[in-house]
Amino acid sequence: MDLSRARELLNSHNEYEVTFDGVNIVIVDLYELTKMARVYDRNNIGKNQVVPLAQLIEVKQIR
């Protein structure tokens, strides 16, 4: 995923399904200079991590 699309999803009022390493995640913050994103596991909010944007995959719009 590129930075501009990740920014759109982060600021969108619509809900999207995004995966990282096969896990559904939610984008919480973007780090533009390093092209990384802070994300958390949709099923386990306590599990968050910083991951490369290039490894995020947009699956579909939920609503």
Protein backbone atom coordinates (compact mmCIF):
# COMPACT_ATOMS: atom_id res chain seq x y z
CA MET A 1 0.00 0.00 0.00
CA ASP A 2 1.33 3.44 -0.75
CA LEU A 3 1.41 6.38 1.65
CA SER A 4 -1.38 8.37 -0.02
CA ARG A 5 -3.82 5.43 0.08
CA ALA A 6 -2.95 4.66 3.71
CA ARG A 7 -3.61 8.33 4.57
CA GLU A 8 -7.00 8.15 2.80
CA LEU A 9 -7.98 5.04 4.78
CA LEU A 10 -6.81 6.55 8.06
CA ASN A 11 -8.90 9.70 7.51
CA SER A 12 -11.90 7.96 5.96
CA HIS A 13 -15.28 7.65 7.63
CA ASN A 14 -15.75 4.35 5.80
CA GLU A 15 -14.43 1.12 7.25
CA TYR A 16 -11.98 -0.92 5.20
CA GLU A 17 -10.54 -4.38 5.60
CA VAL A 18 -6.75 -4.20 5.59
CA THR A 19 -4.43 -7.09 6.32
CA PHE A 20 -0.83 -7.44 7.44
CA ASP A 21 0.74 -10.87 7.32
CA GLY A 22 -2.72 -12.43 6.89
CA VAL A 23 -4.20 -10.70 9.97
CA ASN A 24 -7.00 -8.10 9.81
CA ILE A 25 -5.61 -4.84 11.18
CA VAL A 26 -6.61 -1.23 11.81
CA ILE A 27 -4.27 1.64 10.90
CA VAL A 28 -3.79 3.93 13.91
CA ASP A 29 -0.99 6.26 12.81
CA LEU A 30 1.34 6.87 9.87
CA TYR A 31 5.05 7.68 9.91
CA GLU A 32 5.54 9.38 6.56
CA LEU A 33 9.33 9.73 6.54
CA THR A 34 9.95 6.04 7.17
CA LYS A 35 6.81 4.84 5.30
CA MET A 36 5.67 2.83 8.30
CA ALA A 37 2.29 2.53 10.03
CA ARG A 38 1.28 1.81 13.60
CA VAL A 39 -1.45 -0.82 13.43
CA TYR A 40 -3.35 -3.06 15.79
CA ASP A 41 -4.92 -6.44 15.34
CA ARG A 42 -8.67 -5.96 14.77
CA ASN A 43 -9.38 -8.95 17.06
CA ASN A 44 -6.86 -8.03 19.77
CA ILE A 45 -6.63 -4.28 20.33
CA GLY A 46 -3.83 -4.73 22.85
CA LYS A 47 -1.56 -6.13 20.15
CA ASN A 48 -0.11 -3.21 18.20
CA GLN A 49 3.03 -2.85 16.16
CA VAL A 50 4.80 -0.65 13.62
CA VAL A 51 4.94 -2.22 10.17
CA PRO A 52 6.05 -1.21 6.64
CA LEU A 53 3.29 0.27 4.49
CA ALA A 54 4.45 -1.89 1.59
CA GLN A 55 3.28 -4.99 3.47
CA LEU A 56 -0.28 -3.74 4.09
CA ILE A 57 -2.94 -5.14 1.76
CA GLU A 58 -6.34 -3.52 1.26
CA VAL A 59 -8.89 -6.29 0.85
CA LYS A 60 -12.23 -4.48 0.58
CA GLN A 61 -14.47 -1.71 1.84
CA ILE A 62 -16.68 -2.95 4.70
CA ARG A 63 -19.06 0.02 4.91
